Amino acid sequence: MVLNRFQMAAVKRTAQNTKKLVAQREKINEKMRTLAAELISINEQIDAWEAPIKIMTGGYTSEQMLSWEGVTPEENSQVVDATPENIAPEVINDEQVF
C-alpha cells in the first residue's frame, strides 16, 4: 500500500495522539492478567476449604447453608436453631448457667 504525504502525516498524528492511550491500555491489560491469576488462586483456596462442606451438605457451600439458599423446608427442619432463647440452660450446683 502506498500512501501520499498527507495520508502519512495523518497516520503519524494519529499514532502520536494515541500513544499514551495505547500505553495506558497495556498497563491495564497487565493488571488484569495479574488480577486474573490472583483470582484463580483465591478461587482454588475457597474450593479447597469448601470441599468438605459440600460433601457434608450434599453439594451446598457454607454461604448457601448460612443464607438458607437452596435448602428446602424439609431440610430446614433438620437444622437446629441455636439462638439463646432455644438453648436449654445448663445447671451447675443447682444454679442455672447459660
N, C-alpha and C. Protein backbone atom coordinates (compact mmCIF):
# COMPACT_ATOMS: atom_id res chain seq x y z
N MET A 1 0.85 -1.16 0.00
CA MET A 1 0.00 0.00 0.00
C MET A 1 0.90 1.24 0.00
N VAL A 2 0.59 2.15 -0.85
CA VAL A 2 1.37 3.38 -0.97
C VAL A 2 0.50 4.54 -0.48
N LEU A 3 1.05 5.31 0.45
CA LEU A 3 0.34 6.47 0.99
C LEU A 3 1.03 7.74 0.52
N ASN A 4 0.23 8.76 0.23
CA ASN A 4 0.84 10.04 -0.13
C ASN A 4 1.28 10.74 1.15
N ARG A 5 1.92 11.87 1.02
CA ARG A 5 2.49 12.53 2.19
C ARG A 5 1.43 13.03 3.16
N PHE A 6 0.23 13.40 2.69
CA PHE A 6 -0.85 13.86 3.57
C PHE A 6 -1.42 12.69 4.38
N GLN A 7 -1.55 11.57 3.71
CA GLN A 7 -2.05 10.38 4.41
C GLN A 7 -1.04 9.91 5.45
N MET A 8 0.24 9.93 5.08
CA MET A 8 1.29 9.53 6.02
C MET A 8 1.35 10.48 7.21
N ALA A 9 1.13 11.77 6.97
CA ALA A 9 1.10 12.74 8.06
C ALA A 9 -0.07 12.46 9.00
N ALA A 10 -1.22 12.08 8.44
CA ALA A 10 -2.39 11.74 9.26
C ALA A 10 -2.11 10.49 10.10
N VAL A 11 -1.44 9.51 9.54
CA VAL A 11 -1.08 8.29 10.28
C VAL A 11 -0.15 8.64 11.43
N LYS A 12 0.84 9.49 11.19
CA LYS A 12 1.79 9.87 12.23
C LYS A 12 1.11 10.66 13.35
N ARG A 13 0.21 11.58 12.99
CA ARG A 13 -0.52 12.36 14.01
C ARG A 13 -1.39 11.44 14.86
N THR A 14 -2.05 10.52 14.20
CA THR A 14 -2.92 9.59 14.93
C THR A 14 -2.08 8.73 15.87
N ALA A 15 -0.96 8.24 15.41
CA ALA A 15 -0.08 7.43 16.26
C ALA A 15 0.42 8.24 17.45
N GLN A 16 0.76 9.49 17.21
CA GLN A 16 1.23 10.36 18.28
C GLN A 16 0.11 10.63 19.30
N ASN A 17 -1.11 10.85 18.80
CA ASN A 17 -2.24 11.15 19.68
C ASN A 17 -2.68 9.94 20.50
N THR A 18 -2.49 8.75 19.98
CA THR A 18 -2.96 7.55 20.68
C THR A 18 -1.87 6.84 21.47
N LYS A 19 -0.64 7.33 21.39
CA LYS A 19 0.49 6.67 22.05
C LYS A 19 0.26 6.50 23.56
N LYS A 20 -0.19 7.55 24.22
CA LYS A 20 -0.43 7.48 25.67
C LYS A 20 -1.58 6.52 25.98
N LEU A 21 -2.60 6.55 25.16
CA LEU A 21 -3.74 5.65 25.38
C LEU A 21 -3.34 4.19 25.19
N VAL A 22 -2.50 3.92 24.20
CA VAL A 22 -2.03 2.56 23.97
C VAL A 22 -1.20 2.09 25.16
N ALA A 23 -0.34 2.95 25.68
CA ALA A 23 0.46 2.60 26.85
C ALA A 23 -0.43 2.35 28.06
N GLN A 24 -1.45 3.17 28.23
CA GLN A 24 -2.39 3.01 29.33
C GLN A 24 -3.14 1.69 29.19
N ARG A 25 -3.53 1.34 27.96
CA ARG A 25 -4.23 0.08 27.72
C ARG A 25 -3.33 -1.11 28.08
N GLU A 26 -2.07 -1.03 27.74
CA GLU A 26 -1.13 -2.12 28.05
C GLU A 26 -0.96 -2.29 29.55
N LYS A 27 -0.88 -1.17 30.28
CA LYS A 27 -0.78 -1.25 31.74
C LYS A 27 -2.01 -1.90 32.35
N ILE A 28 -3.17 -1.53 31.85
CA ILE A 28 -4.42 -2.10 32.35
C ILE A 28 -4.50 -3.58 32.02
N ASN A 29 -4.09 -3.95 30.81
CA ASN A 29 -4.09 -5.37 30.44
C ASN A 29 -3.16 -6.18 31.33
N GLU A 30 -2.01 -5.62 31.68
CA GLU A 30 -1.08 -6.31 32.57
C GLU A 30 -1.69 -6.48 33.97
N LYS A 31 -2.34 -5.42 34.46
CA LYS A 31 -3.01 -5.51 35.76
C LYS A 31 -4.11 -6.58 35.73
N MET A 32 -4.84 -6.63 34.63
CA MET A 32 -5.92 -7.61 34.50
C MET A 32 -5.36 -9.04 34.50
N ARG A 33 -4.24 -9.25 33.84
CA ARG A 33 -3.61 -10.58 33.83
C ARG A 33 -3.16 -10.96 35.24
N THR A 34 -2.57 -10.00 35.95
CA THR A 34 -2.13 -10.26 37.32
C THR A 34 -3.32 -10.56 38.23
N LEU A 35 -4.37 -9.75 38.12
CA LEU A 35 -5.56 -9.96 38.95
C LEU A 35 -6.27 -11.26 38.59
N ALA A 36 -6.27 -11.63 37.33
CA ALA A 36 -6.90 -12.90 36.93
C ALA A 36 -6.16 -14.07 37.57
N ALA A 37 -4.84 -14.02 37.58
CA ALA A 37 -4.06 -15.09 38.22
C ALA A 37 -4.34 -15.13 39.72
N GLU A 38 -4.44 -13.96 40.34
CA GLU A 38 -4.74 -13.89 41.78
C GLU A 38 -6.14 -14.44 42.06
N LEU A 39 -7.08 -14.11 41.19
CA LEU A 39 -8.45 -14.60 41.36
C LEU A 39 -8.51 -16.12 41.25
N ILE A 40 -7.77 -16.69 40.32
CA ILE A 40 -7.74 -18.14 40.18
C ILE A 40 -7.20 -18.77 41.45
N SER A 41 -6.13 -18.20 42.00
CA SER A 41 -5.54 -18.71 43.23
C SER A 41 -6.53 -18.64 44.40
N ILE A 42 -7.23 -17.52 44.52
CA ILE A 42 -8.20 -17.36 45.60
C ILE A 42 -9.35 -18.35 45.44
N ASN A 43 -9.84 -18.53 44.22
CA ASN A 43 -10.93 -19.49 43.99
C ASN A 43 -10.50 -20.91 44.32
N GLU A 44 -9.25 -21.26 44.01
CA GLU A 44 -8.75 -22.59 44.36
C GLU A 44 -8.71 -22.78 45.88
N GLN A 45 -8.30 -21.74 46.61
CA GLN A 45 -8.27 -21.82 48.06
C GLN A 45 -9.68 -21.97 48.63
N ILE A 46 -10.62 -21.21 48.09
CA ILE A 46 -12.01 -21.30 48.54
C ILE A 46 -12.55 -22.70 48.28
N ASP A 47 -12.30 -23.22 47.08
CA ASP A 47 -12.78 -24.56 46.73
C ASP A 47 -12.20 -25.62 47.65
N ALA A 48 -10.92 -25.47 48.03
CA ALA A 48 -10.30 -26.43 48.93
C ALA A 48 -10.95 -26.40 50.31
N TRP A 49 -11.28 -25.21 50.80
CA TRP A 49 -11.94 -25.08 52.10
C TRP A 49 -13.39 -25.58 52.04
N GLU A 50 -14.06 -25.33 50.92
CA GLU A 50 -15.47 -25.67 50.79
C GLU A 50 -15.70 -27.16 50.48
N ALA A 51 -14.69 -27.88 50.00
CA ALA A 51 -14.87 -29.28 49.59
C ALA A 51 -15.49 -30.14 50.69
N PRO A 52 -14.98 -30.11 51.93
CA PRO A 52 -15.61 -30.94 52.96
C PRO A 52 -17.05 -30.52 53.29
N ILE A 53 -17.32 -29.22 53.20
CA ILE A 53 -18.67 -28.73 53.48
C ILE A 53 -19.63 -29.22 52.40
N LYS A 54 -19.19 -29.19 51.15
CA LYS A 54 -20.04 -29.66 50.06
C LYS A 54 -20.32 -31.15 50.19
N ILE A 55 -19.34 -31.92 50.63
CA ILE A 55 -19.56 -33.36 50.85
C ILE A 55 -20.56 -33.55 51.99
N MET A 56 -20.39 -32.80 53.07
CA MET A 56 -21.24 -32.94 54.25
C MET A 56 -22.68 -32.50 53.98
N THR A 57 -22.86 -31.48 53.13
CA THR A 57 -24.19 -30.91 52.91
C THR A 57 -24.84 -31.37 51.61
N GLY A 58 -24.16 -32.23 50.88
CA GLY A 58 -24.74 -32.70 49.63
C GLY A 58 -24.57 -31.72 48.48
N GLY A 59 -23.53 -30.91 48.52
CA GLY A 59 -23.24 -30.01 47.41
C GLY A 59 -23.43 -28.54 47.69
N TYR A 60 -23.95 -28.20 48.86
CA TYR A 60 -24.14 -26.79 49.19
C TYR A 60 -22.87 -26.21 49.77
N THR A 61 -22.62 -24.92 49.51
CA THR A 61 -21.47 -24.24 50.09
C THR A 61 -21.86 -23.71 51.47
N SER A 62 -20.88 -23.25 52.22
CA SER A 62 -21.16 -22.70 53.54
C SER A 62 -22.01 -21.44 53.42
N GLU A 63 -21.76 -20.62 52.40
CA GLU A 63 -22.57 -19.41 52.21
C GLU A 63 -24.03 -19.77 51.93
N GLN A 64 -24.24 -20.78 51.10
CA GLN A 64 -25.60 -21.20 50.78
C GLN A 64 -26.30 -21.73 52.03
N MET A 65 -25.60 -22.50 52.82
CA MET A 65 -26.21 -23.05 54.03
C MET A 65 -26.55 -21.95 55.03
N LEU A 66 -25.67 -20.96 55.16
CA LEU A 66 -25.91 -19.90 56.12
C LEU A 66 -27.01 -18.95 55.66
N SER A 67 -27.20 -18.83 54.37
CA SER A 67 -28.25 -17.95 53.87
C SER A 67 -29.51 -18.74 53.52
N TRP A 68 -29.51 -20.05 53.79
CA TRP A 68 -30.63 -20.95 53.51
C TRP A 68 -30.94 -21.04 52.02
N GLU A 69 -29.99 -20.64 51.19
CA GLU A 69 -30.18 -20.68 49.75
C GLU A 69 -30.17 -22.14 49.30
N GLY A 70 -31.19 -22.53 48.59
CA GLY A 70 -31.24 -23.87 48.04
C GLY A 70 -31.65 -24.94 49.03
N VAL A 71 -32.03 -24.56 50.25
CA VAL A 71 -32.43 -25.55 51.25
C VAL A 71 -33.95 -25.61 51.28
N THR A 72 -34.49 -26.80 51.12
CA THR A 72 -35.94 -26.97 51.11
C THR A 72 -36.49 -26.92 52.53
N PRO A 73 -37.80 -26.70 52.69
CA PRO A 73 -38.38 -26.66 54.04
C PRO A 73 -38.16 -27.97 54.81
N GLU A 74 -38.17 -29.11 54.10
CA GLU A 74 -37.93 -30.38 54.78
C GLU A 74 -36.53 -30.42 55.38
N GLU A 75 -35.57 -29.86 54.66
CA GLU A 75 -34.20 -29.84 55.16
C GLU A 75 -34.04 -28.83 56.29
N ASN A 76 -34.84 -27.78 56.29
CA ASN A 76 -34.78 -26.79 57.36
C ASN A 76 -35.12 -27.41 58.70
N SER A 77 -36.02 -28.38 58.72
CA SER A 77 -36.44 -28.97 59.98
C SER A 77 -35.32 -29.76 60.63
N GLN A 78 -34.30 -30.13 59.87
CA GLN A 78 -33.18 -30.89 60.43
C GLN A 78 -32.13 -29.98 61.05
N VAL A 79 -32.22 -28.71 60.80
CA VAL A 79 -31.22 -27.77 61.30
C VAL A 79 -31.69 -27.23 62.65
N VAL A 80 -30.81 -27.21 63.62
CA VAL A 80 -31.15 -26.75 64.97
C VAL A 80 -30.95 -25.25 65.04
N ASP A 81 -31.94 -24.55 65.56
CA ASP A 81 -31.84 -23.12 65.77
C ASP A 81 -31.07 -22.89 67.06
N ALA A 82 -29.89 -22.30 66.98
CA ALA A 82 -29.02 -22.15 68.14
C ALA A 82 -29.06 -20.74 68.71
N THR A 83 -30.22 -20.11 68.67
CA THR A 83 -30.32 -18.79 69.29
C THR A 83 -30.40 -18.98 70.79
N PRO A 84 -30.03 -17.97 71.58
CA PRO A 84 -30.01 -18.11 73.04
C PRO A 84 -31.37 -18.54 73.62
N GLU A 85 -32.47 -18.12 72.99
CA GLU A 85 -33.78 -18.48 73.52
C GLU A 85 -34.06 -19.98 73.36
N ASN A 86 -33.42 -20.61 72.40
CA ASN A 86 -33.70 -22.01 72.12
C ASN A 86 -32.68 -22.97 72.72
N ILE A 87 -31.74 -22.47 73.50
CA ILE A 87 -30.73 -23.31 74.13
C ILE A 87 -31.15 -23.54 75.58
N ALA A 88 -31.17 -24.79 75.97
CA ALA A 88 -31.54 -25.11 77.35
C ALA A 88 -30.42 -24.67 78.28
N PRO A 89 -30.76 -24.06 79.40
CA PRO A 89 -29.71 -23.61 80.32
C PRO A 89 -29.03 -24.81 80.98
N GLU A 90 -27.77 -24.65 81.27
CA GLU A 90 -27.01 -25.69 81.94
C GLU A 90 -27.12 -25.44 83.45
N VAL A 91 -27.30 -26.50 84.19
CA VAL A 91 -27.45 -26.37 85.63
C VAL A 91 -26.19 -26.87 86.32
N ILE A 92 -25.56 -26.01 87.10
CA ILE A 92 -24.36 -26.38 87.85
C ILE A 92 -24.60 -25.98 89.30
N ASN A 93 -24.49 -26.96 90.20
CA ASN A 93 -24.70 -26.72 91.64
C ASN A 93 -26.03 -26.02 91.89
N ASP A 94 -27.08 -26.51 91.30
CA ASP A 94 -28.44 -26.01 91.45
C ASP A 94 -28.60 -24.56 90.99
N GLU A 95 -27.68 -24.05 90.15
CA GLU A 95 -27.80 -22.71 89.58
C GLU A 95 -27.80 -22.82 88.07
N GLN A 96 -28.66 -22.02 87.46
CA GLN A 96 -28.71 -22.04 86.00
C GLN A 96 -27.58 -21.19 85.43
N VAL A 97 -26.85 -21.77 84.47
CA VAL A 97 -25.76 -21.08 83.80
C VAL A 97 -26.02 -21.15 82.30
N PHE A 98 -25.93 -20.05 81.66
CA PHE A 98 -26.14 -20.03 80.20
C PHE A 98 -24.84 -20.09 79.48
